[in-house]
Amino acid sequence: MTALPAQLESKLSLWESDPALLEADQFARRLEIQDDLDRLFIEPALHPDSTQHLDSSDLRQRARALNLKFESINSDLFASIRRQIQKGACPPQFTSILHNLTTPPRGLAYDYLDDLVAGVFQFNPPAEEPRALSSDSVFYQPTPARHIFHLITAAALRNTDTLIDLGSGLGHVPLLVSICTGASSIGIELDPTLAACAAKCSEALNQRNVTFHAQDARQADLSSGNVFYLYTPFTGSTLSAVLESLRNQSSLRPIRICIFGPGTLTLREQVWLKPITPPATDQITIFVPRR
């Protein structure tokens, strides 16, 4: 056996013999290893940046078997979390994430938490083509999960709050907020295919305090919300009109506006708003009306 296959065999044997990797809380580590299994053993030809190509069918079979074992453990983890959510509980896995957020996360990239949430929520892809974007619309991207968990703690969301997500997409923010806090959540989404997928997921998770509406945010009823969230879903005149609606709401009751992405710079320029933390486009910033 040449040096390279010997090194890979040693690496694979180490993973196979590590019982800690079979524990539910090792999800992130399993994902890392599954990426390595794919890159080094299963489909090396699909990764031209890797020089570690392998000809041993035995090692490939062992790698596939380990990958399948990890997938089974992950599937069981997703199902367990789903059952807890369906019963009305915030899973301890989510509670642990909230407790461990000691510093605000930064950056727009996704990580293992997004894989965890996707596995639990099991969003079905829209059956129809997405709605064509208007000149003010922004291409849909979900908020990275770590920022949603931070939003929950930074905005001090409670079960007495009602969060309205303006541009809710598949519903990641309303769903996680309600699951983790018991707050009521409303998703406003222009694309009816995305709104329908979000509503279907909410129903499957038995989330009775989450609703989704397929409508233009400029015509949305904002009267029930006291916390509003935007991942810069639109720009230009649409954003200006929505901000004017939020300003009108702020004259009726205390509200908080949470934003992520480039739209943060627009909110920073609003004389009627002040940030409670330094505004930044790569993390959640919370604004409150000036009094």
C-alpha atoms as a PDB file:
ATOM      1  CA  MET A   1       0.000   0.000   0.000  1.00  0.00           C
ATOM      2  CA  THR A   2       1.420   3.398  -0.953  1.00  0.00           C
ATOM      3  CA  ALA A   3       1.781   6.189   1.588  1.00  0.00           C
ATOM      4  CA  LEU A   4      -1.336   8.125   0.535  1.00  0.00           C
ATOM      5  CA  PRO A   5      -3.838   5.220   0.735  1.00  0.00           C
ATOM      6  CA  ALA A   6      -2.272   4.210   4.050  1.00  0.00           C
ATOM      7  CA  GLN A   7      -2.844   7.683   5.428  1.00  0.00           C
ATOM      8  CA  LEU A   8      -6.438   7.679   4.211  1.00  0.00           C
ATOM      9  CA  GLU A   9      -7.070   4.220   5.641  1.00  0.00           C
ATOM     10  CA  SER A  10      -5.784   5.440   9.001  1.00  0.00           C
ATOM     11  CA  LYS A  11      -8.078   8.486   8.859  1.00  0.00           C
ATOM     12  CA  LEU A  12     -11.100   6.365   7.964  1.00  0.00           C
ATOM     13  CA  SER A  13     -10.317   3.831  10.709  1.00  0.00           C
ATOM     14  CA  LEU A  14     -10.140   6.666  13.231  1.00  0.00           C
ATOM     15  CA  TRP A  15     -13.621   7.890  12.275  1.00  0.00           C
ATOM     16  CA  GLU A  16     -15.049   4.371  12.263  1.00  0.00           C
ATOM     17  CA  SER A  17     -13.775   3.688  15.773  1.00  0.00           C
ATOM     18  CA  ASP A  18     -14.839   6.960  17.404  1.00  0.00           C
ATOM     19  CA  PRO A  19     -18.064   6.324  19.398  1.00  0.00           C
ATOM     20  CA  ALA A  20     -18.473  10.031  20.139  1.00  0.00           C
ATOM     21  CA  LEU A  21     -19.396  10.626  16.497  1.00  0.00           C
ATOM     22  CA  LEU A  22     -22.555   8.574  17.017  1.00  0.00           C
ATOM     23  CA  GLU A  23     -23.851  10.983  19.657  1.00  0.00           C
ATOM     24  CA  ALA A  24     -26.664  13.295  18.579  1.00  0.00           C
ATOM     25  CA  ASP A  25     -24.833  16.440  19.702  1.00  0.00           C
ATOM     26  CA  GLN A  26     -21.954  15.727  17.299  1.00  0.00           C
ATOM     27  CA  PHE A  27     -24.026  16.819  14.291  1.00  0.00           C
ATOM     28  CA  ALA A  28     -21.613  19.544  13.180  1.00  0.00           C
ATOM     29  CA  ARG A  29     -18.621  17.208  13.359  1.00  0.00           C
ATOM     30  CA  ARG A  30     -20.460  14.525  11.410  1.00  0.00           C
ATOM     31  CA  LEU A  31     -21.210  17.015   8.636  1.00  0.00           C
ATOM     32  CA  GLU A  32     -17.530  17.920   8.400  1.00  0.00           C
ATOM     33  CA  ILE A  33     -16.552  14.274   8.160  1.00  0.00           C
ATOM     34  CA  GLN A  34     -19.266  13.557   5.597  1.00  0.00           C
ATOM     35  CA  ASP A  35     -17.803  16.314   3.421  1.00  0.00           C
ATOM     36  CA  ASP A  36     -14.387  14.687   3.778  1.00  0.00           C
ATOM     37  CA  LEU A  37     -15.797  11.250   3.019  1.00  0.00           C
ATOM     38  CA  ASP A  38     -17.296  12.558  -0.198  1.00  0.00           C
ATOM     39  CA  ARG A  39     -14.196  14.498  -1.212  1.00  0.00           C
ATOM     40  CA  LEU A  40     -11.594  11.857  -0.342  1.00  0.00           C
ATOM     41  CA  PHE A  41     -13.304   8.550  -0.869  1.00  0.00           C
ATOM     42  CA  ILE A  42     -16.686   8.559  -2.548  1.00  0.00           C
ATOM     43  CA  GLU A  43     -16.540  11.110  -5.369  1.00  0.00           C
ATOM     44  CA  PRO A  44     -12.954  12.394  -5.571  1.00  0.00           C
ATOM     45  CA  ALA A  45     -13.267  12.967  -9.330  1.00  0.00           C
ATOM     46  CA  LEU A  46     -15.902  15.637  -8.618  1.00  0.00           C
ATOM     47  CA  HIS A  47     -13.375  17.611  -6.594  1.00  0.00           C
ATOM     48  CA  PRO A  48     -10.566  18.653  -8.972  1.00  0.00           C
ATOM     49  CA  ASP A  49      -8.993  20.769  -6.229  1.00  0.00           C
ATOM     50  CA  SER A  50      -8.243  17.604  -4.291  1.00  0.00           C
ATOM     51  CA  THR A  51      -5.139  15.580  -5.181  1.00  0.00           C
ATOM     52  CA  GLN A  52      -6.140  12.717  -2.910  1.00  0.00           C
ATOM     53  CA  HIS A  53      -7.690  10.379  -5.456  1.00  0.00           C
ATOM     54  CA  LEU A  54      -8.234   6.813  -4.389  1.00  0.00           C
ATOM     55  CA  ASP A  55      -8.499   3.558  -6.269  1.00  0.00           C
ATOM     56  CA  SER A  56      -9.312   1.218  -3.375  1.00  0.00           C
ATOM     57  CA  SER A  57     -12.891  -0.050  -3.712  1.00  0.00           C
ATOM     58  CA  ASP A  58     -12.681  -1.457  -0.167  1.00  0.00           C
ATOM     59  CA  LEU A  59     -12.041   1.947   1.342  1.00  0.00           C
ATOM     60  CA  ARG A  60     -14.804   3.446  -0.803  1.00  0.00           C
ATOM     61  CA  GLN A  61     -17.269   0.839   0.465  1.00  0.00           C
ATOM     62  CA  ARG A  62     -16.280   1.515   4.067  1.00  0.00           C
ATOM     63  CA  ALA A  63     -16.611   5.258   3.477  1.00  0.00           C
ATOM     64  CA  ARG A  64     -20.091   4.828   1.996  1.00  0.00           C
ATOM     65  CA  ALA A  65     -21.127   2.628   4.924  1.00  0.00           C
ATOM     66  CA  LEU A  66     -19.939   5.225   7.437  1.00  0.00           C
ATOM     67  CA  ASN A  67     -21.673   7.989   5.505  1.00  0.00           C
ATOM     68  CA  LEU A  68     -24.941   6.015   5.555  1.00  0.00           C
ATOM     69  CA  LYS A  69     -24.584   5.461   9.303  1.00  0.00           C
ATOM     70  CA  PHE A  70     -24.141   9.196   9.851  1.00  0.00           C
ATOM     71  CA  GLU A  71     -27.133   9.975   7.623  1.00  0.00           C
ATOM     72  CA  SER A  72     -29.271   7.579   9.684  1.00  0.00           C
ATOM     73  CA  ILE A  73     -28.183   9.228  12.940  1.00  0.00           C
ATOM     74  CA  ASN A  74     -28.883  12.668  11.509  1.00  0.00           C
ATOM     75  CA  SER A  75     -32.296  11.569  10.259  1.00  0.00           C
ATOM     76  CA  ASP A  76     -33.181  10.262  13.720  1.00  0.00           C
ATOM     77  CA  LEU A  77     -32.017  13.568  15.213  1.00  0.00           C
ATOM     78  CA  PHE A  78     -34.211  15.568  12.821  1.00  0.00           C
ATOM     79  CA  ALA A  79     -37.226  13.374  13.594  1.00  0.00           C
ATOM     80  CA  SER A  80     -36.693  13.704  17.349  1.00  0.00           C
ATOM     81  CA  ILE A  81     -36.531  17.501  17.151  1.00  0.00           C
ATOM     82  CA  ARG A  82     -39.612  17.593  14.913  1.00  0.00           C
ATOM     83  CA  ARG A  83     -41.623  15.524  17.420  1.00  0.00           C
ATOM     84  CA  GLN A  84     -40.712  17.911  20.226  1.00  0.00           C
ATOM     85  CA  ILE A  85     -41.729  20.917  18.138  1.00  0.00           C
ATOM     86  CA  GLN A  86     -45.011  19.289  17.152  1.00  0.00           C
ATOM     87  CA  LYS A  87     -45.762  18.804  20.854  1.00  0.00           C
ATOM     88  CA  GLY A  88     -45.255  22.514  21.489  1.00  0.00           C
ATOM     89  CA  ALA A  89     -41.791  22.350  23.071  1.00  0.00           C
ATOM     90  CA  CYS A  90     -38.634  24.209  22.187  1.00  0.00           C
ATOM     91  CA  PRO A  91     -36.103  21.407  21.622  1.00  0.00           C
ATOM     92  CA  PRO A  92     -33.098  21.382  23.960  1.00  0.00           C
ATOM     93  CA  GLN A  93     -30.854  21.487  20.885  1.00  0.00           C
ATOM     94  CA  PHE A  94     -32.259  24.930  20.023  1.00  0.00           C
ATOM     95  CA  THR A  95     -32.143  26.067  23.658  1.00  0.00           C
ATOM     96  CA  SER A  96     -28.477  25.125  23.827  1.00  0.00           C
ATOM     97  CA  ILE A  97     -27.722  27.219  20.750  1.00  0.00           C
ATOM     98  CA  LEU A  98     -29.470  30.229  22.294  1.00  0.00           C
ATOM     99  CA  HIS A  99     -27.565  29.851  25.564  1.00  0.00           C
ATOM    100  CA  ASN A 100     -24.217  29.548  23.794  1.00  0.00           C
ATOM    101  CA  LEU A 101     -24.584  32.735  21.726  1.00  0.00           C
ATOM    102  CA  THR A 102     -22.190  34.791  23.825  1.00  0.00           C
ATOM    103  CA  THR A 103     -21.179  37.131  20.996  1.00  0.00           C
ATOM    104  CA  PRO A 104     -23.181  38.384  18.005  1.00  0.00           C
ATOM    105  CA  PRO A 105     -22.431  36.313  14.892  1.00  0.00           C
ATOM    106  CA  ARG A 106     -21.173  38.064  11.804  1.00  0.00           C
ATOM    107  CA  GLY A 107     -21.048  37.234   8.104  1.00  0.00           C
ATOM    108  CA  LEU A 108     -23.444  36.174   5.369  1.00  0.00           C
ATOM    109  CA  ALA A 109     -22.265  32.576   4.942  1.00  0.00           C
ATOM    110  CA  TYR A 110     -24.271  29.530   5.991  1.00  0.00           C
ATOM    111  CA  ASP A 111     -23.065  26.834   8.383  1.00  0.00           C
ATOM    112  CA  TYR A 112     -24.108  23.580  10.052  1.00  0.00           C
ATOM    113  CA  LEU A 113     -27.045  25.255  11.814  1.00  0.00           C
ATOM    114  CA  ASP A 114     -28.672  25.824   8.435  1.00  0.00           C
ATOM    115  CA  ASP A 115     -28.307  22.117   7.661  1.00  0.00           C
ATOM    116  CA  LEU A 116     -29.846  21.320  11.042  1.00  0.00           C
ATOM    117  CA  VAL A 117     -32.821  23.631  10.507  1.00  0.00           C
ATOM    118  CA  ALA A 118     -33.332  22.414   6.928  1.00  0.00           C
ATOM    119  CA  GLY A 119     -33.309  18.800   8.116  1.00  0.00           C
ATOM    120  CA  VAL A 120     -35.861  19.535  10.829  1.00  0.00           C
ATOM    121  CA  PHE A 121     -38.185  21.767   8.810  1.00  0.00           C
ATOM    122  CA  GLN A 122     -38.017  19.641   5.653  1.00  0.00           C
ATOM    123  CA  PHE A 123     -39.089  22.376   3.260  1.00  0.00           C
ATOM    124  CA  ASN A 124     -40.488  21.019   0.029  1.00  0.00           C
ATOM    125  CA  PRO A 125     -39.302  22.960  -3.037  1.00  0.00           C
ATOM    126  CA  PRO A 126     -41.999  25.117  -4.666  1.00  0.00           C
ATOM    127  CA  ALA A 127     -44.009  23.284  -7.300  1.00  0.00           C
ATOM    128  CA  GLU A 128     -44.253  26.417  -9.431  1.00  0.00           C
ATOM    129  CA  GLU A 129     -41.703  28.785 -10.863  1.00  0.00           C
ATOM    130  CA  PRO A 130     -40.831  31.694  -8.540  1.00  0.00           C
ATOM    131  CA  ARG A 131     -42.469  34.996  -9.210  1.00  0.00           C
ATOM    132  CA  ALA A 132     -40.554  37.360 -11.498  1.00  0.00           C
ATOM    133  CA  LEU A 133     -38.657  40.003  -9.558  1.00  0.00           C
ATOM    134  CA  SER A 134     -39.699  43.639  -9.778  1.00  0.00           C
ATOM    135  CA  SER A 135     -37.143  46.425  -9.983  1.00  0.00           C
ATOM    136  CA  ASP A 136     -37.365  46.922  -6.192  1.00  0.00           C
ATOM    137  CA  SER A 137     -37.214  43.220  -5.295  1.00  0.00           C
ATOM    138  CA  VAL A 138     -34.120  41.431  -4.034  1.00  0.00           C
ATOM    139  CA  PHE A 139     -33.233  37.829  -4.907  1.00  0.00           C
ATOM    140  CA  TYR A 140     -34.431  35.578  -2.088  1.00  0.00           C
ATOM    141  CA  GLN A 141     -31.922  34.198   0.355  1.00  0.00           C
ATOM    142  CA  PRO A 142     -32.874  32.867   3.793  1.00  0.00           C
ATOM    143  CA  THR A 143     -31.362  34.473   6.848  1.00  0.00           C
ATOM    144  CA  PRO A 144     -28.508  32.281   8.146  1.00  0.00           C
ATOM    145  CA  ALA A 145     -29.838  30.343  11.121  1.00  0.00           C
ATOM    146  CA  ARG A 146     -27.195  31.588  13.550  1.00  0.00           C
ATOM    147  CA  HIS A 147     -28.422  35.147  12.969  1.00  0.00           C
ATOM    148  CA  ILE A 148     -32.036  34.116  13.637  1.00  0.00           C
ATOM    149  CA  PHE A 149     -31.026  32.632  16.986  1.00  0.00           C
ATOM    150  CA  HIS A 150     -29.149  35.837  17.735  1.00  0.00           C
ATOM    151  CA  LEU A 151     -32.209  37.871  16.740  1.00  0.00           C
ATOM    152  CA  ILE A 152     -34.262  36.010  19.348  1.00  0.00           C
ATOM    153  CA  THR A 153     -31.856  36.915  22.141  1.00  0.00           C
ATOM    154  CA  ALA A 154     -30.891  40.409  20.947  1.00  0.00           C
ATOM    155  CA  ALA A 155     -34.515  41.503  20.553  1.00  0.00           C
ATOM    156  CA  ALA A 156     -35.444  39.800  23.846  1.00  0.00           C
ATOM    157  CA  LEU A 157     -38.426  38.143  22.173  1.00  0.00           C
ATOM    158  CA  ARG A 158     -41.106  36.777  24.506  1.00  0.00           C
ATOM    159  CA  ASN A 159     -44.377  34.911  24.157  1.00  0.00           C
ATOM    160  CA  THR A 160     -46.226  38.217  24.480  1.00  0.00           C
ATOM    161  CA  ASP A 161     -44.610  39.600  21.310  1.00  0.00           C
ATOM    162  CA  THR A 162     -45.844  39.433  17.739  1.00  0.00           C
ATOM    163  CA  LEU A 163     -43.139  39.404  15.109  1.00  0.00           C
ATOM    164  CA  ILE A 164     -43.905  40.328  11.499  1.00  0.00           C
ATOM    165  CA  ASP A 165     -41.308  39.241   8.954  1.00  0.00           C
ATOM    166  CA  LEU A 166     -41.543  41.458   5.879  1.00  0.00           C
ATOM    167  CA  GLY A 167     -40.277  39.294   3.033  1.00  0.00           C
ATOM    168  CA  SER A 168     -40.466  35.990   4.889  1.00  0.00           C
ATOM    169  CA  GLY A 169     -39.542  33.609   2.063  1.00  0.00           C
ATOM    170  CA  LEU A 170     -39.793  30.016   3.241  1.00  0.00           C
ATOM    171  CA  GLY A 171     -40.490  31.148   6.790  1.00  0.00           C
ATOM    172  CA  HIS A 172     -37.271  30.377   8.656  1.00  0.00           C
ATOM    173  CA  VAL A 173     -37.506  33.449  10.892  1.00  0.00           C
ATOM    174  CA  PRO A 174     -41.210  33.254  11.900  1.00  0.00           C
ATOM    175  CA  LEU A 175     -40.946  29.517  12.543  1.00  0.00           C
ATOM    176  CA  LEU A 176     -37.797  29.626  14.669  1.00  0.00           C
ATOM    177  CA  VAL A 177     -39.015  32.662  16.616  1.00  0.00           C
ATOM    178  CA  SER A 178     -42.309  31.026  17.522  1.00  0.00           C
ATOM    179  CA  ILE A 179     -40.751  27.637  18.279  1.00  0.00           C
ATOM    180  CA  CYS A 180     -38.114  29.109  20.574  1.00  0.00           C
ATOM    181  CA  THR A 181     -40.165  31.808  22.314  1.00  0.00           C
ATOM    182  CA  GLY A 182     -43.860  31.045  21.942  1.00  0.00           C
ATOM    183  CA  ALA A 183     -44.319  34.459  20.315  1.00  0.00           C
ATOM    184  CA  SER A 184     -46.862  34.883  17.541  1.00  0.00           C
ATOM    185  CA  SER A 185     -45.292  35.329  14.138  1.00  0.00           C
ATOM    186  CA  ILE A 186     -46.602  36.537  10.797  1.00  0.00           C
ATOM    187  CA  GLY A 187     -44.766  36.111   7.530  1.00  0.00           C
ATOM    188  CA  ILE A 188     -45.470  38.514   4.659  1.00  0.00           C
ATOM    189  CA  GLU A 189     -44.178  37.197   1.351  1.00  0.00           C
ATOM    190  CA  LEU A 190     -44.858  38.533  -2.150  1.00  0.00           C
ATOM    191  CA  ASP A 191     -44.153  35.206  -3.907  1.00  0.00           C
ATOM    192  CA  PRO A 192     -47.171  32.933  -3.354  1.00  0.00           C
ATOM    193  CA  THR A 193     -45.146  29.775  -4.036  1.00  0.00           C
ATOM    194  CA  LEU A 194     -42.759  30.557  -1.184  1.00  0.00           C
ATOM    195  CA  ALA A 195     -45.599  31.567   1.140  1.00  0.00           C
ATOM    196  CA  ALA A 196     -47.425  28.299   0.385  1.00  0.00           C
ATOM    197  CA  CYS A 197     -44.311  26.234   1.177  1.00  0.00           C
ATOM    198  CA  ALA A 198     -43.848  28.104   4.449  1.00  0.00           C
ATOM    199  CA  ALA A 199     -47.488  27.568   5.435  1.00  0.00           C
ATOM    200  CA  LYS A 200     -47.223  23.854   4.648  1.00  0.00           C
ATOM    201  CA  CYS A 201     -44.127  23.527   6.824  1.00  0.00           C
ATOM    202  CA  SER A 202     -45.812  25.418   9.660  1.00  0.00           C
ATOM    203  CA  GLU A 203     -48.795  23.083   9.500  1.00  0.00           C
ATOM    204  CA  ALA A 204     -46.577  19.992   9.521  1.00  0.00           C
ATOM    205  CA  LEU A 205     -44.811  21.328  12.626  1.00  0.00           C
ATOM    206  CA  ASN A 206     -48.153  22.085  14.310  1.00  0.00           C
ATOM    207  CA  GLN A 207     -47.299  25.767  14.710  1.00  0.00           C
ATOM    208  CA  ARG A 208     -50.657  27.360  15.383  1.00  0.00           C
ATOM    209  CA  ASN A 209     -49.246  30.767  16.291  1.00  0.00           C
ATOM    210  CA  VAL A 210     -47.507  31.219  12.908  1.00  0.00           C
ATOM    211  CA  THR A 211     -49.310  32.496   9.826  1.00  0.00           C
ATOM    212  CA  PHE A 212     -48.142  33.375   6.338  1.00  0.00           C
ATOM    213  CA  HIS A 213     -49.719  35.787   3.863  1.00  0.00           C
ATOM    214  CA  ALA A 214     -48.894  36.038   0.180  1.00  0.00           C
ATOM    215  CA  GLN A 215     -49.102  39.774  -0.371  1.00  0.00           C
ATOM    216  CA  ASP A 216     -47.214  42.961  -1.071  1.00  0.00           C
ATOM    217  CA  ALA A 217     -45.628  44.328   2.106  1.00  0.00           C
ATOM    218  CA  ARG A 218     -46.893  47.794   1.183  1.00  0.00           C
ATOM    219  CA  GLN A 219     -50.483  46.585   1.578  1.00  0.00           C
ATOM    220  CA  ALA A 220     -49.881  44.394   4.641  1.00  0.00           C
ATOM    221  CA  ASP A 221     -51.740  44.958   7.901  1.00  0.00           C
ATOM    222  CA  LEU A 222     -49.002  45.760  10.429  1.00  0.00           C
ATOM    223  CA  SER A 223     -51.289  46.682  13.309  1.00  0.00           C
ATOM    224  CA  SER A 224     -50.751  43.484  15.309  1.00  0.00           C
ATOM    225  CA  GLY A 225     -46.955  43.550  15.287  1.00  0.00           C
ATOM    226  CA  ASN A 226     -44.582  45.053  17.799  1.00  0.00           C
ATOM    227  CA  VAL A 227     -41.388  43.506  16.376  1.00  0.00           C
ATOM    228  CA  PHE A 228     -40.598  43.717  12.663  1.00  0.00           C
ATOM    229  CA  TYR A 229     -37.880  41.929  10.729  1.00  0.00           C
ATOM    230  CA  LEU A 230     -36.382  42.545   7.286  1.00  0.00           C
ATOM    231  CA  TYR A 231     -33.539  40.774   5.529  1.00  0.00           C
ATOM    232  CA  THR A 232     -33.440  43.615   2.988  1.00  0.00           C
ATOM    233  CA  PRO A 233     -36.186  41.978   0.866  1.00  0.00           C
ATOM    234  CA  PHE A 234     -36.739  45.060  -1.266  1.00  0.00           C
ATOM    235  CA  THR A 235     -35.189  48.415  -2.039  1.00  0.00           C
ATOM    236  CA  GLY A 236     -36.152  51.751  -3.567  1.00  0.00           C
ATOM    237  CA  SER A 237     -39.710  53.032  -3.366  1.00  0.00           C
ATOM    238  CA  THR A 238     -40.996  49.764  -1.879  1.00  0.00           C
ATOM    239  CA  LEU A 239     -38.633  49.997   1.084  1.00  0.00           C
ATOM    240  CA  SER A 240     -39.475  53.687   1.500  1.00  0.00           C
ATOM    241  CA  ALA A 241     -43.204  52.922   1.565  1.00  0.00           C
ATOM    242  CA  VAL A 242     -42.775  50.113   4.101  1.00  0.00           C
ATOM    243  CA  LEU A 243     -40.623  52.303   6.335  1.00  0.00           C
ATOM    244  CA  GLU A 244     -43.321  54.992   6.227  1.00  0.00           C
ATOM    245  CA  SER A 245     -45.882  52.395   7.304  1.00  0.00           C
ATOM    246  CA  LEU A 246     -43.615  51.358  10.163  1.00  0.00           C
ATOM    247  CA  ARG A 247     -43.175  54.981  11.168  1.00  0.00           C
ATOM    248  CA  ASN A 248     -46.948  55.330  11.371  1.00  0.00           C
ATOM    249  CA  GLN A 249     -47.130  52.210  13.525  1.00  0.00           C
ATOM    250  CA  SER A 250     -44.459  53.610  15.860  1.00  0.00           C
ATOM    251  CA  SER A 251     -46.738  56.550  16.684  1.00  0.00           C
ATOM    252  CA  LEU A 252     -49.329  54.113  18.047  1.00  0.00           C
ATOM    253  CA  ARG A 253     -47.189  51.845  20.269  1.00  0.00           C
ATOM    254  CA  PRO A 254     -43.573  50.903  21.012  1.00  0.00           C
ATOM    255  CA  ILE A 255     -42.026  48.832  18.241  1.00  0.00           C
ATOM    256  CA  ARG A 256     -38.647  47.317  17.408  1.00  0.00           C
ATOM    257  CA  ILE A 257     -37.320  46.969  13.876  1.00  0.00           C
ATOM    258  CA  CYS A 258     -34.711  44.285  13.289  1.00  0.00           C
ATOM    259  CA  ILE A 259     -32.783  44.231  10.029  1.00  0.00           C
ATOM    260  CA  PHE A 260     -30.021  42.224   8.397  1.00  0.00           C
ATOM    261  CA  GLY A 261     -28.112  42.993   5.221  1.00  0.00           C
ATOM    262  CA  PRO A 262     -27.560  46.132   3.098  1.00  0.00           C
ATOM    263  CA  GLY A 263     -30.901  47.658   4.104  1.00  0.00           C
ATOM    264  CA  THR A 264     -29.307  48.409   7.479  1.00  0.00           C
ATOM    265  CA  LEU A 265     -27.626  51.418   5.895  1.00  0.00           C
ATOM    266  CA  THR A 266     -30.994  52.807   4.794  1.00  0.00           C
ATOM    267  CA  LEU A 267     -32.462  52.456   8.282  1.00  0.00           C
ATOM    268  CA  ARG A 268     -29.405  54.162   9.737  1.00  0.00           C
ATOM    269  CA  GLU A 269     -30.316  57.245   7.692  1.00  0.00           C
ATOM    270  CA  GLN A 270     -33.868  57.442   9.073  1.00  0.00           C
ATOM    271  CA  VAL A 271     -34.030  60.382  11.470  1.00  0.00           C
ATOM    272  CA  TRP A 272     -36.944  58.835  13.362  1.00  0.00           C
ATOM    273  CA  LEU A 273     -34.968  55.687  14.209  1.00  0.00           C
ATOM    274  CA  LYS A 274     -31.974  54.989  16.415  1.00  0.00           C
ATOM    275  CA  PRO A 275     -29.970  51.753  16.625  1.00  0.00           C
ATOM    276  CA  ILE A 276     -29.523  50.103  20.009  1.00  0.00           C
ATOM    277  CA  THR A 277     -26.257  48.561  18.781  1.00  0.00           C
ATOM    278  CA  PRO A 278     -23.791  49.907  16.192  1.00  0.00           C
ATOM    279  CA  PRO A 279     -25.337  49.301  12.744  1.00  0.00           C
ATOM    280  CA  ALA A 280     -23.636  46.599  10.670  1.00  0.00           C
ATOM    281  CA  THR A 281     -24.771  44.915   7.470  1.00  0.00           C
ATOM    282  CA  ASP A 282     -23.340  41.512   8.395  1.00  0.00           C
ATOM    283  CA  GLN A 283     -25.209  41.063  11.674  1.00  0.00           C
ATOM    284  CA  ILE A 284     -28.639  41.772  13.113  1.00  0.00           C
ATOM    285  CA  THR A 285     -29.159  45.434  14.009  1.00  0.00           C
ATOM    286  CA  ILE A 286     -32.138  46.512  16.088  1.00  0.00           C
ATOM    287  CA  PHE A 287     -33.640  49.979  15.716  1.00  0.00           C
ATOM    288  CA  VAL A 288     -36.197  51.687  17.923  1.00  0.00           C
ATOM    289  CA  PRO A 289     -38.088  54.957  17.316  1.00  0.00           C
ATOM    290  CA  ARG A 290     -36.654  58.119  18.784  1.00  0.00           C
ATOM    291  CA  ARG A 291     -38.782  59.648  21.505  1.00  0.00           C
END
